[in-house]
Amino acid sequence: MKILIVETVWIAGARYGFFDKTLLTAFSILPTLHARQIAAITSATHDVTLLNERYQQINFNEHYDLVHINFTTSTAPRAYEIADAFKKQNITVVLSGLHASGIPEEAQRHADSVLLGRGELNWLQLLRDYEQGTLQPLYEPLPYDERVSIPPTNVRLPGFTMTGAVEATRGCPCHCDFCPDGQLKGNNRFFMRPVDDVIAEIKALPQKTIMFYDSSLTINQTYTRELFEQMVGLGKKFFCNGNADVLANEEDLVRLSKKAGCVSWLIGFESFDQDALQGCGKSTNKVDDYKQAVDNIHQAGMAVIGDFIVGFDTDTPDVFDATLAAIAKLGIDVADFCVLTPFPGTSLYKRLQQDGRILTKDWSHYNLKNVVFTPKHMTPEQLQQGITTMYRRFYSPHNTVQRIARGATLGMSPFFMIIARNAVAVMNSRHLPS
């Protein structure tokens, strides 16, 4: 069977030039690994083409037996265009991803079948049904357990790829009301791959630098310690995500991560307002832990990437200046600023929908940079201008050079990571709404 798997990828709805694409490709910056995991688990008896729209054009004249499109909310309009074009040719279309799971009834209008959840094990069931002529319109997620062997994820992008990708764990026991991944159907159960399988995959990766796509590598510390201990001596450098509470209070784990090859930790700080954190269900975050978490990571010789969200119901127009000032005190090396976004399928979406605060359902604006709802204590325009101003101030030439210079004290690998991530952030800031 000839299968096309399409991954639709936009960043802030922008189109990128040659230099931008080269930079993004080199560091394997991808929103998810879902499409690659689906391709990896597909039997080699099928002829599978995996296509990323950021880099390659779709040939709609090519004949396929089945087209599978994996997409997020901001790319839903494009995903539906692709799906409709293939359906006009009587080609079977399958849709999957965060948005399809969030609003399956919408996705079904453009597809023959929709996969809910991560869509790997139910993808195998779908393929069997398709071959037997019993394709179902909807496939519920199937649970993972210790008998499931998740295949290695081979990230292949056009051009020079410096950074490989791996996933050791999946799912998240936290239920932050804004997080589509944490509320993805079937994804609230935390699943850990056997450490030996992960180590074998890491050893097989040709890249010396890898990125862990786990929601957090601090959820099960016993598992992570075993993983890091086995990574010591492999000669790999890596980036990963973690929670502030563990990174602040488990200094030995932080030091072990450095020995294993860690270059930087990404932390979802989200806010410096404890009431905002409490309101969104971010139970792992205590603002009082932030400084210690950053200090522990820096003292071990690694960089800190901070994620921040503005637009919570507790936020007022002074949140922008206050957040930038607090970040400066922490000495964070790279920061991502996001507009609170009510993704379909999340409890945040349901609450704002019920309150009549959703301003648009043009899904292309659901990219974490556009305001799509009415904030409680400011106007949409104030929130939009505030997020743009934060990016431009934080990534001003003067501030950026200062951070890069400070990063030189952390060692060569963190230093180059800080340069690269600041360059990507500056590039993305050019595409922000004005």
Foldseek 3Di string as FASTA:
>chain_A
DEEEEEEEDDFLNDQDDDVLVQLCQQAVDDPDLLSLLQVQLDDPVYHYDYYYVNADDDDLVDDGQEYEYEYFLLCVVVSLVVLQSNVVVVHAYEYEYLQCQLCVVVVLVRGQAYEFFSPRVQVVVQVVCVVVVNHDRYTADDADDQVDDRGFRADDDPDHYQEAEGEFKFADCFAQQLDSRNLGHNRNDIGGHPLVNRVVSVLPDPHQEYEYPYPALPPDLVVSLVNLVVLQPSNHAYEYEHELQCLLPVLVSLLSNVNSHYAEYEYAQAALDVVLCVVRRVVRHDNVSLLSSLVSNQVSLHAYEYEYEDQGLVDALCRLVVVVVVCVVSLHLHYDYFYRARRRSGNVVVVQVVVVFFQDSSSSSRNRQADGGAGNHDGSVSSNVSSLVSLCVCLPPVNLVVSLVVSVVSDDSNSVVSVSNSVSSVVSSVSHDD
